[in-house]
Amino acid sequence: MSASPLFIQVPGATPPKPSPSGTTEIPVSAPEQSQGEFFGWIAVLWAVVPTIIVLMLAKSRKQKTPEPPHVTDTDFEAEVLKSDMPVLVHFYREWNIGDRVMIKQAERLAKRNGEALKVRWLEIGESPQTLARYPHVETPAFLFFFEGRLLFHAEGVLDEADVHREIWENHAKYLRKKAAGKVV
């Protein structure tokens, strides 16, 4: 008696055929073959191609925001104190979360005021001499200058609308005092 694998004979099924190497190949049904093809390269393509397209679209739509204009110890006097127009300086620390929130506020204030207001950023870690001029400043802080004078100072996380209102109210108050001759 020869040793052959035991197969259950199913009516209408094709019996296994011996291969030239002597092993028995089991035939694969059409659904099994279809399933094997589906979970092959086609499935990989269906998953990878849309992902690549999404990443490419996201990269192309990503807005590149320009670096905000900074001042340092070397140009603070020229950029801020000797400026012909009002200047709002945002004093911040790069690593502070509250300062990061206020950086966005300062960017919106710059956009909102356009050419009427210069907005500058000052990283206090890189400008110790300027910080020594204003020792009372804690970050995040907005300092508003006009004609070399500090007209407004606010610290902490603030509402953009409040800062906008305060700087222009203080600017108007300064101009009224100057017109009345009360500014030396």
N, C-alpha and C. Protein backbone atom coordinates (compact mmCIF):
# COMPACT_ATOMS: atom_id res chain seq x y z
N MET A 1 0.84 -1.17 0.00
CA MET A 1 0.00 0.00 0.00
C MET A 1 0.88 1.23 0.00
N SER A 2 0.60 2.14 -0.88
CA SER A 2 1.42 3.35 -0.99
C SER A 2 0.92 4.42 -0.03
N ALA A 3 1.86 5.23 0.43
CA ALA A 3 1.50 6.32 1.34
C ALA A 3 1.12 7.53 0.51
N SER A 4 -0.12 7.85 0.54
CA SER A 4 -0.59 9.04 -0.18
C SER A 4 -1.43 9.88 0.76
N PRO A 5 -1.41 11.18 0.53
CA PRO A 5 -2.20 12.03 1.42
C PRO A 5 -3.68 11.67 1.32
N LEU A 6 -4.34 11.87 2.40
CA LEU A 6 -5.76 11.56 2.46
C LEU A 6 -6.55 12.78 2.03
N PHE A 7 -7.35 12.63 1.00
CA PHE A 7 -8.17 13.73 0.51
C PHE A 7 -9.62 13.29 0.54
N ILE A 8 -10.43 14.23 0.86
CA ILE A 8 -11.86 13.95 0.81
C ILE A 8 -12.32 14.30 -0.59
N GLN A 9 -12.97 13.39 -1.21
CA GLN A 9 -13.44 13.61 -2.57
C GLN A 9 -14.76 14.37 -2.51
N VAL A 10 -14.74 15.59 -3.07
CA VAL A 10 -15.95 16.41 -3.13
C VAL A 10 -16.49 16.27 -4.54
N PRO A 11 -17.78 15.98 -4.67
CA PRO A 11 -18.32 15.82 -6.01
C PRO A 11 -18.15 17.11 -6.81
N GLY A 12 -17.67 17.03 -8.03
CA GLY A 12 -17.49 18.17 -8.92
C GLY A 12 -16.17 18.88 -8.72
N ALA A 13 -15.38 18.52 -7.69
CA ALA A 13 -14.10 19.18 -7.44
C ALA A 13 -13.00 18.46 -8.20
N THR A 14 -11.98 19.18 -8.56
CA THR A 14 -10.86 18.60 -9.28
C THR A 14 -9.92 17.96 -8.26
N PRO A 15 -9.52 16.73 -8.48
CA PRO A 15 -8.59 16.10 -7.54
C PRO A 15 -7.20 16.73 -7.67
N PRO A 16 -6.42 16.73 -6.60
CA PRO A 16 -5.08 17.29 -6.65
C PRO A 16 -4.22 16.56 -7.66
N LYS A 17 -3.33 17.33 -8.31
CA LYS A 17 -2.45 16.74 -9.31
C LYS A 17 -1.04 16.72 -8.76
N PRO A 18 -0.34 15.62 -8.98
CA PRO A 18 1.05 15.58 -8.53
C PRO A 18 1.92 16.45 -9.43
N SER A 19 2.85 17.18 -8.82
CA SER A 19 3.75 18.04 -9.59
C SER A 19 4.97 17.21 -10.01
N PRO A 20 5.80 17.75 -10.91
CA PRO A 20 6.99 16.99 -11.33
C PRO A 20 7.94 16.71 -10.17
N SER A 21 7.92 17.53 -9.11
CA SER A 21 8.83 17.29 -7.99
C SER A 21 8.32 16.21 -7.07
N GLY A 22 7.11 15.76 -7.30
CA GLY A 22 6.57 14.68 -6.50
C GLY A 22 5.60 15.14 -5.44
N THR A 23 5.45 16.46 -5.21
CA THR A 23 4.50 16.95 -4.22
C THR A 23 3.15 17.14 -4.88
N THR A 24 2.16 17.14 -4.07
CA THR A 24 0.80 17.30 -4.60
C THR A 24 0.38 18.76 -4.48
N GLU A 25 -0.05 19.36 -5.60
CA GLU A 25 -0.53 20.74 -5.59
C GLU A 25 -2.03 20.73 -5.42
N ILE A 26 -2.48 21.56 -4.52
CA ILE A 26 -3.91 21.67 -4.30
C ILE A 26 -4.42 22.81 -5.18
N PRO A 27 -5.43 22.57 -5.98
CA PRO A 27 -5.94 23.63 -6.85
C PRO A 27 -6.58 24.74 -6.04
N VAL A 28 -6.47 25.97 -6.53
CA VAL A 28 -7.02 27.15 -5.86
C VAL A 28 -8.30 27.53 -6.59
N SER A 29 -9.34 27.75 -5.80
CA SER A 29 -10.62 28.12 -6.42
C SER A 29 -10.56 29.56 -6.91
N ALA A 30 -11.49 29.94 -7.74
CA ALA A 30 -11.54 31.30 -8.29
C ALA A 30 -11.70 32.36 -7.20
N PRO A 31 -12.58 32.16 -6.19
CA PRO A 31 -12.68 33.18 -5.12
C PRO A 31 -11.38 33.32 -4.34
N GLU A 32 -10.70 32.19 -4.08
CA GLU A 32 -9.43 32.27 -3.35
C GLU A 32 -8.37 32.99 -4.17
N GLN A 33 -8.35 32.73 -5.46
CA GLN A 33 -7.39 33.39 -6.34
C GLN A 33 -7.68 34.89 -6.39
N SER A 34 -8.96 35.27 -6.48
CA SER A 34 -9.35 36.68 -6.52
C SER A 34 -8.96 37.38 -5.22
N GLN A 35 -9.21 36.71 -4.10
CA GLN A 35 -8.87 37.30 -2.81
C GLN A 35 -7.37 37.47 -2.67
N GLY A 36 -6.60 36.53 -3.13
CA GLY A 36 -5.15 36.62 -3.08
C GLY A 36 -4.64 37.79 -3.90
N GLU A 37 -5.24 38.02 -5.07
CA GLU A 37 -4.82 39.15 -5.90
C GLU A 37 -5.22 40.47 -5.27
N PHE A 38 -6.42 40.52 -4.65
CA PHE A 38 -6.90 41.77 -4.06
C PHE A 38 -6.00 42.25 -2.92
N PHE A 39 -5.55 41.33 -2.10
CA PHE A 39 -4.73 41.71 -0.97
C PHE A 39 -3.25 41.77 -1.32
N GLY A 40 -2.95 41.80 -2.57
CA GLY A 40 -1.57 41.91 -3.02
C GLY A 40 -1.22 43.36 -3.33
N TRP A 41 -0.60 43.57 -4.47
CA TRP A 41 -0.14 44.90 -4.86
C TRP A 41 -1.27 45.89 -5.07
N ILE A 42 -2.40 45.41 -5.50
CA ILE A 42 -3.54 46.31 -5.75
C ILE A 42 -3.96 46.98 -4.45
N ALA A 43 -4.03 46.22 -3.38
CA ALA A 43 -4.41 46.80 -2.08
C ALA A 43 -3.37 47.81 -1.62
N VAL A 44 -2.11 47.50 -1.84
CA VAL A 44 -1.05 48.43 -1.45
C VAL A 44 -1.20 49.73 -2.23
N LEU A 45 -1.44 49.63 -3.51
CA LEU A 45 -1.62 50.84 -4.33
C LEU A 45 -2.83 51.65 -3.88
N TRP A 46 -3.94 50.96 -3.56
CA TRP A 46 -5.14 51.66 -3.10
C TRP A 46 -4.88 52.41 -1.79
N ALA A 47 -3.98 51.94 -0.98
CA ALA A 47 -3.68 52.60 0.29
C ALA A 47 -2.60 53.67 0.14
N VAL A 48 -1.58 53.40 -0.64
CA VAL A 48 -0.42 54.29 -0.72
C VAL A 48 -0.65 55.49 -1.63
N VAL A 49 -1.23 55.27 -2.79
CA VAL A 49 -1.39 56.37 -3.76
C VAL A 49 -2.23 57.51 -3.20
N PRO A 50 -3.41 57.27 -2.61
CA PRO A 50 -4.16 58.40 -2.04
C PRO A 50 -3.41 59.11 -0.92
N THR A 51 -2.67 58.36 -0.13
CA THR A 51 -1.89 58.98 0.94
C THR A 51 -0.83 59.91 0.36
N ILE A 52 -0.16 59.48 -0.67
CA ILE A 52 0.85 60.33 -1.31
C ILE A 52 0.21 61.58 -1.90
N ILE A 53 -0.94 61.43 -2.53
CA ILE A 53 -1.64 62.59 -3.12
C ILE A 53 -2.04 63.58 -2.04
N VAL A 54 -2.58 63.08 -0.93
CA VAL A 54 -2.97 63.96 0.17
C VAL A 54 -1.77 64.72 0.73
N LEU A 55 -0.65 64.03 0.92
CA LEU A 55 0.55 64.68 1.45
C LEU A 55 1.08 65.74 0.49
N MET A 56 1.04 65.45 -0.81
CA MET A 56 1.51 66.43 -1.80
C MET A 56 0.61 67.66 -1.82
N LEU A 57 -0.71 67.46 -1.74
CA LEU A 57 -1.63 68.59 -1.71
C LEU A 57 -1.45 69.43 -0.44
N ALA A 58 -1.28 68.76 0.68
CA ALA A 58 -1.08 69.48 1.94
C ALA A 58 0.19 70.31 1.89
N LYS A 59 1.23 69.77 1.32
CA LYS A 59 2.49 70.50 1.23
C LYS A 59 2.36 71.69 0.30
N SER A 60 1.65 71.53 -0.81
CA SER A 60 1.51 72.63 -1.76
C SER A 60 0.61 73.73 -1.23
N ARG A 61 -0.33 73.40 -0.36
CA ARG A 61 -1.25 74.41 0.18
C ARG A 61 -0.75 75.05 1.46
N LYS A 62 0.29 74.51 2.02
CA LYS A 62 0.82 75.05 3.28
C LYS A 62 1.30 76.48 3.04
N GLN A 63 0.77 77.39 3.84
CA GLN A 63 1.13 78.79 3.67
C GLN A 63 2.49 79.05 4.29
N LYS A 64 3.30 79.71 3.56
CA LYS A 64 4.61 80.08 4.05
C LYS A 64 4.51 81.49 4.62
N THR A 65 4.59 81.61 5.94
CA THR A 65 4.53 82.92 6.56
C THR A 65 5.94 83.46 6.67
N PRO A 66 6.12 84.70 6.29
CA PRO A 66 7.46 85.27 6.40
C PRO A 66 7.85 85.47 7.86
N GLU A 67 9.13 85.47 8.08
CA GLU A 67 9.66 85.69 9.42
C GLU A 67 9.27 87.10 9.86
N PRO A 68 8.69 87.25 11.05
CA PRO A 68 8.30 88.60 11.49
C PRO A 68 9.54 89.47 11.71
N PRO A 69 9.40 90.78 11.49
CA PRO A 69 10.56 91.66 11.66
C PRO A 69 10.97 91.77 13.13
N HIS A 70 12.20 91.44 13.39
CA HIS A 70 12.73 91.48 14.75
C HIS A 70 13.61 92.70 14.96
N VAL A 71 13.71 93.11 16.20
CA VAL A 71 14.70 94.12 16.59
C VAL A 71 15.58 93.50 17.65
N THR A 72 16.79 94.01 17.74
CA THR A 72 17.74 93.53 18.74
C THR A 72 18.35 94.76 19.42
N ASP A 73 19.31 94.51 20.30
CA ASP A 73 20.00 95.62 20.96
C ASP A 73 20.63 96.58 19.96
N THR A 74 21.15 96.04 18.87
CA THR A 74 21.88 96.87 17.91
C THR A 74 20.99 97.82 17.12
N ASP A 75 19.75 97.42 16.82
CA ASP A 75 18.90 98.29 16.00
C ASP A 75 17.64 98.78 16.71
N PHE A 76 17.52 98.57 18.01
CA PHE A 76 16.33 98.99 18.74
C PHE A 76 16.12 100.50 18.66
N GLU A 77 17.18 101.23 18.88
CA GLU A 77 17.04 102.69 18.87
C GLU A 77 16.63 103.21 17.49
N ALA A 78 17.26 102.73 16.44
CA ALA A 78 16.96 103.20 15.09
C ALA A 78 15.57 102.74 14.64
N GLU A 79 15.22 101.50 14.92
CA GLU A 79 13.94 100.94 14.45
C GLU A 79 12.75 101.39 15.27
N VAL A 80 12.95 101.63 16.56
CA VAL A 80 11.82 101.90 17.45
C VAL A 80 11.83 103.33 17.95
N LEU A 81 12.88 103.72 18.65
CA LEU A 81 12.89 105.02 19.31
C LEU A 81 13.00 106.19 18.33
N LYS A 82 13.66 106.00 17.21
CA LYS A 82 13.82 107.09 16.24
C LYS A 82 12.90 106.93 15.03
N SER A 83 11.91 106.09 15.14
CA SER A 83 10.98 105.86 14.04
C SER A 83 10.02 107.03 13.90
N ASP A 84 9.65 107.35 12.66
CA ASP A 84 8.70 108.44 12.39
C ASP A 84 7.26 108.00 12.62
N MET A 85 7.04 106.73 12.69
CA MET A 85 5.67 106.23 12.86
C MET A 85 5.55 105.44 14.16
N PRO A 86 4.32 105.21 14.62
CA PRO A 86 4.13 104.42 15.85
C PRO A 86 4.67 103.01 15.68
N VAL A 87 5.23 102.49 16.77
CA VAL A 87 5.83 101.15 16.75
C VAL A 87 5.31 100.36 17.95
N LEU A 88 4.82 99.17 17.66
CA LEU A 88 4.41 98.24 18.71
C LEU A 88 5.47 97.15 18.77
N VAL A 89 6.08 96.99 19.93
CA VAL A 89 7.13 95.98 20.10
C VAL A 89 6.60 94.88 20.99
N HIS A 90 6.71 93.67 20.50
CA HIS A 90 6.28 92.52 21.27
C HIS A 90 7.52 91.89 21.91
N PHE A 91 7.64 91.99 23.22
CA PHE A 91 8.73 91.36 23.97
C PHE A 91 8.30 89.93 24.27
N TYR A 92 9.14 88.97 23.91
CA TYR A 92 8.75 87.57 24.10
C TYR A 92 9.96 86.70 24.39
N ARG A 93 9.65 85.49 24.87
CA ARG A 93 10.64 84.42 25.03
C ARG A 93 10.21 83.31 24.09
N GLU A 94 11.15 82.78 23.35
CA GLU A 94 10.85 81.76 22.34
C GLU A 94 10.21 80.51 22.94
N TRP A 95 10.61 80.13 24.12
CA TRP A 95 10.19 78.87 24.72
C TRP A 95 8.89 78.96 25.51
N ASN A 96 8.36 80.16 25.73
CA ASN A 96 7.18 80.35 26.57
C ASN A 96 5.90 80.18 25.75
N ILE A 97 4.98 79.35 26.23
CA ILE A 97 3.74 79.08 25.50
C ILE A 97 2.87 80.33 25.41
N GLY A 98 2.75 81.08 26.50
CA GLY A 98 1.96 82.31 26.47
C GLY A 98 2.50 83.31 25.46
N ASP A 99 3.81 83.35 25.32
CA ASP A 99 4.43 84.23 24.34
C ASP A 99 4.11 83.80 22.92
N ARG A 100 4.04 82.50 22.71
CA ARG A 100 3.69 82.00 21.37
C ARG A 100 2.28 82.42 20.99
N VAL A 101 1.37 82.40 21.95
CA VAL A 101 0.00 82.85 21.70
C VAL A 101 0.01 84.32 21.30
N MET A 102 0.79 85.11 22.01
CA MET A 102 0.81 86.54 21.74
C MET A 102 1.54 86.88 20.44
N ILE A 103 2.42 86.00 19.97
CA ILE A 103 3.05 86.22 18.67
C ILE A 103 1.98 86.25 17.59
N LYS A 104 1.01 85.35 17.68
CA LYS A 104 -0.10 85.35 16.72
C LYS A 104 -0.93 86.62 16.84
N GLN A 105 -1.13 87.09 18.07
CA GLN A 105 -1.86 88.35 18.28
C GLN A 105 -1.11 89.51 17.62
N ALA A 106 0.19 89.54 17.80
CA ALA A 106 1.00 90.61 17.21
C ALA A 106 0.95 90.55 15.69
N GLU A 107 0.97 89.34 15.14
CA GLU A 107 0.87 89.20 13.67
C GLU A 107 -0.46 89.74 13.17
N ARG A 108 -1.55 89.44 13.90
CA ARG A 108 -2.86 89.95 13.49
C ARG A 108 -2.94 91.47 13.63
N LEU A 109 -2.33 92.00 14.69
CA LEU A 109 -2.31 93.46 14.86
C LEU A 109 -1.54 94.13 13.72
N ALA A 110 -0.44 93.52 13.32
CA ALA A 110 0.34 94.07 12.21
C ALA A 110 -0.48 94.07 10.93
N LYS A 111 -1.17 92.99 10.69
CA LYS A 111 -2.00 92.88 9.49
C LYS A 111 -3.17 93.87 9.55
N ARG A 112 -3.78 93.98 10.71
CA ARG A 112 -4.95 94.84 10.89
C ARG A 112 -4.61 96.31 10.70
N ASN A 113 -3.45 96.74 11.14
CA ASN A 113 -3.08 98.16 11.09
C ASN A 113 -2.30 98.54 9.84
N GLY A 114 -1.85 97.58 9.11
CA GLY A 114 -1.18 97.86 7.84
C GLY A 114 -0.01 98.80 7.98
N GLU A 115 0.00 99.85 7.17
CA GLU A 115 1.11 100.81 7.13
C GLU A 115 1.05 101.85 8.25
N ALA A 116 -0.03 101.89 9.02
CA ALA A 116 -0.16 102.89 10.08
C ALA A 116 0.67 102.55 11.31
N LEU A 117 1.11 101.32 11.42
CA LEU A 117 1.80 100.87 12.62
C LEU A 117 2.89 99.89 12.25
N LYS A 118 4.08 100.12 12.77
CA LYS A 118 5.16 99.13 12.63
C LYS A 118 5.07 98.19 13.82
N VAL A 119 5.08 96.91 13.56
CA VAL A 119 5.09 95.92 14.63
C VAL A 119 6.41 95.18 14.54
N ARG A 120 7.11 95.11 15.65
CA ARG A 120 8.41 94.45 15.72
C ARG A 120 8.41 93.46 16.87
N TRP A 121 9.23 92.43 16.74
CA TRP A 121 9.38 91.40 17.77
C TRP A 121 10.76 91.54 18.38
N LEU A 122 10.82 91.33 19.71
CA LEU A 122 12.10 91.39 20.40
C LEU A 122 12.21 90.18 21.31
N GLU A 123 13.13 89.29 21.00
CA GLU A 123 13.40 88.10 21.81
C GLU A 123 14.29 88.55 22.95
N ILE A 124 13.76 88.53 24.17
CA ILE A 124 14.50 89.15 25.28
C ILE A 124 15.78 88.40 25.63
N GLY A 125 15.86 87.13 25.32
CA GLY A 125 17.09 86.37 25.57
C GLY A 125 18.24 86.84 24.71
N GLU A 126 17.93 87.41 23.55
CA GLU A 126 18.96 87.88 22.62
C GLU A 126 19.23 89.38 22.77
N SER A 127 18.47 90.07 23.61
CA SER A 127 18.60 91.53 23.73
C SER A 127 18.62 91.97 25.20
N PRO A 128 19.66 91.62 25.94
CA PRO A 128 19.69 91.97 27.37
C PRO A 128 19.80 93.47 27.63
N GLN A 129 20.45 94.23 26.75
CA GLN A 129 20.59 95.68 26.97
C GLN A 129 19.24 96.38 26.85
N THR A 130 18.44 95.98 25.87
CA THR A 130 17.12 96.58 25.71
C THR A 130 16.24 96.21 26.89
N LEU A 131 16.34 94.98 27.34
CA LEU A 131 15.56 94.57 28.50
C LEU A 131 15.98 95.35 29.75
N ALA A 132 17.26 95.70 29.85
CA ALA A 132 17.74 96.49 31.00
C ALA A 132 17.14 97.90 30.98
N ARG A 133 16.82 98.43 29.80
CA ARG A 133 16.16 99.75 29.71
C ARG A 133 14.76 99.72 30.29
N TYR A 134 14.13 98.56 30.18
CA TYR A 134 12.75 98.40 30.65
C TYR A 134 12.69 97.23 31.63
N PRO A 135 13.24 97.41 32.83
CA PRO A 135 13.36 96.29 33.78
C PRO A 135 12.01 95.81 34.32
N HIS A 136 10.99 96.60 34.18
CA HIS A 136 9.67 96.23 34.69
C HIS A 136 8.93 95.28 33.75
N VAL A 137 9.47 95.01 32.58
CA VAL A 137 8.77 94.22 31.57
C VAL A 137 8.88 92.72 31.87
N GLU A 138 7.74 92.07 31.90
CA GLU A 138 7.66 90.61 31.99
C GLU A 138 6.99 90.14 30.71
N THR A 139 7.40 89.00 30.22
CA THR A 139 6.84 88.53 28.95
C THR A 139 5.62 87.66 29.20
N PRO A 140 4.73 87.60 28.23
CA PRO A 140 4.68 88.37 27.00
C PRO A 140 4.25 89.80 27.29
N ALA A 141 4.78 90.73 26.52
CA ALA A 141 4.46 92.14 26.74
C ALA A 141 4.40 92.88 25.41
N PHE A 142 3.53 93.86 25.36
CA PHE A 142 3.45 94.79 24.24
C PHE A 142 3.85 96.16 24.76
N LEU A 143 4.81 96.80 24.08
CA LEU A 143 5.19 98.16 24.40
C LEU A 143 4.95 98.99 23.16
N PHE A 144 4.23 100.10 23.33
CA PHE A 144 3.85 100.95 22.20
C PHE A 144 4.64 102.25 22.29
N PHE A 145 5.40 102.54 21.24
CA PHE A 145 6.26 103.73 21.20
C PHE A 145 5.82 104.67 20.09
N PHE A 146 5.95 105.95 20.38
CA PHE A 146 5.76 106.96 19.34
C PHE A 146 6.68 108.13 19.68
N GLU A 147 7.43 108.57 18.69
CA GLU A 147 8.40 109.66 18.84
C GLU A 147 9.36 109.41 20.00
N GLY A 148 9.78 108.18 20.14
CA GLY A 148 10.77 107.81 21.16
C GLY A 148 10.21 107.66 22.56
N ARG A 149 8.92 107.79 22.71
CA ARG A 149 8.30 107.70 24.04
C ARG A 149 7.49 106.42 24.16
N LEU A 150 7.54 105.86 25.35
CA LEU A 150 6.72 104.69 25.65
C LEU A 150 5.33 105.20 26.04
N LEU A 151 4.33 104.92 25.21
CA LEU A 151 2.97 105.42 25.47
C LEU A 151 2.06 104.38 26.09
N PHE A 152 2.36 103.12 25.88
CA PHE A 152 1.47 102.07 26.38
C PHE A 152 2.31 100.83 26.66
N HIS A 153 1.94 100.14 27.73
CA HIS A 153 2.66 98.93 28.12
C HIS A 153 1.64 97.96 28.68
N ALA A 154 1.60 96.75 28.14
CA ALA A 154 0.68 95.72 28.64
C ALA A 154 1.41 94.39 28.68
N GLU A 155 1.14 93.62 29.72
CA GLU A 155 1.79 92.33 29.90
C GLU A 155 0.76 91.22 30.01
N GLY A 156 1.18 90.04 29.68
CA GLY A 156 0.32 88.87 29.80
C GLY A 156 -0.39 88.55 28.50
N VAL A 157 -1.22 87.53 28.56
CA VAL A 157 -2.00 87.13 27.39
C VAL A 157 -3.20 88.05 27.32
N LEU A 158 -3.28 88.81 26.24
CA LEU A 158 -4.30 89.85 26.10
C LEU A 158 -5.13 89.63 24.85
N ASP A 159 -6.29 90.26 24.85
CA ASP A 159 -7.15 90.21 23.68
C ASP A 159 -6.65 91.20 22.64
N GLU A 160 -6.62 90.78 21.41
CA GLU A 160 -6.13 91.62 20.31
C GLU A 160 -6.91 92.93 20.20
N ALA A 161 -8.24 92.86 20.32
CA ALA A 161 -9.08 94.06 20.20
C ALA A 161 -8.77 95.06 21.32
N ASP A 162 -8.53 94.56 22.53
CA ASP A 162 -8.20 95.45 23.65
C ASP A 162 -6.87 96.16 23.42
N VAL A 163 -5.88 95.42 22.95
CA VAL A 163 -4.57 96.01 22.68
C VAL A 163 -4.70 97.06 21.58
N HIS A 164 -5.43 96.73 20.53
CA HIS A 164 -5.63 97.67 19.43
C HIS A 164 -6.27 98.97 19.91
N ARG A 165 -7.33 98.83 20.68
CA ARG A 165 -8.03 100.02 21.22
C ARG A 165 -7.11 100.84 22.11
N GLU A 166 -6.40 100.18 23.01
CA GLU A 166 -5.53 100.89 23.96
C GLU A 166 -4.39 101.63 23.27
N ILE A 167 -3.76 101.02 22.29
CA ILE A 167 -2.62 101.71 21.66
C ILE A 167 -3.09 102.96 20.94
N TRP A 168 -4.24 102.88 20.25
CA TRP A 168 -4.69 104.07 19.52
C TRP A 168 -5.31 105.12 20.44
N GLU A 169 -5.89 104.72 21.56
CA GLU A 169 -6.37 105.72 22.54
C GLU A 169 -5.18 106.46 23.15
N ASN A 170 -4.12 105.72 23.50
CA ASN A 170 -2.93 106.37 24.06
C ASN A 170 -2.24 107.24 23.02
N HIS A 171 -2.25 106.84 21.78
CA HIS A 171 -1.67 107.64 20.71
C HIS A 171 -2.44 108.95 20.57
N ALA A 172 -3.78 108.87 20.56
CA ALA A 172 -4.61 110.08 20.44
C ALA A 172 -4.41 110.99 21.65
N LYS A 173 -4.31 110.43 22.84
CA LYS A 173 -4.09 111.23 24.05
C LYS A 173 -2.75 111.96 23.97
N TYR A 174 -1.72 111.27 23.50
CA TYR A 174 -0.40 111.88 23.35
C TYR A 174 -0.45 113.03 22.35
N LEU A 175 -1.13 112.82 21.23
CA LEU A 175 -1.22 113.88 20.21
C LEU A 175 -1.99 115.09 20.73
N ARG A 176 -3.03 114.87 21.53
CA ARG A 176 -3.77 116.00 22.13
C ARG A 176 -2.87 116.77 23.09
N LYS A 177 -2.11 116.08 23.94
CA LYS A 177 -1.19 116.76 24.86
C LYS A 177 -0.12 117.53 24.10
N LYS A 178 0.37 116.93 23.04
CA LYS A 178 1.40 117.58 22.24
C LYS A 178 0.85 118.85 21.59
N ALA A 179 -0.37 118.79 21.07
CA ALA A 179 -1.01 119.95 20.44
C ALA A 179 -1.26 121.05 21.46
N ALA A 180 -1.54 120.68 22.70
CA ALA A 180 -1.79 121.66 23.76
C ALA A 180 -0.49 122.16 24.37
N GLY A 181 0.64 121.64 23.91
CA GLY A 181 1.94 122.08 24.42
C GLY A 181 2.31 121.49 25.76
N LYS A 182 1.68 120.44 26.16
CA LYS A 182 1.93 119.82 27.48
C LYS A 182 3.00 118.72 27.41
N VAL A 183 3.50 118.43 26.23
CA VAL A 183 4.54 117.42 26.08
C VAL A 183 5.88 118.12 25.93
N VAL A 184 6.81 117.73 26.75
CA VAL A 184 8.13 118.36 26.71
C VAL A 184 9.06 117.55 25.86
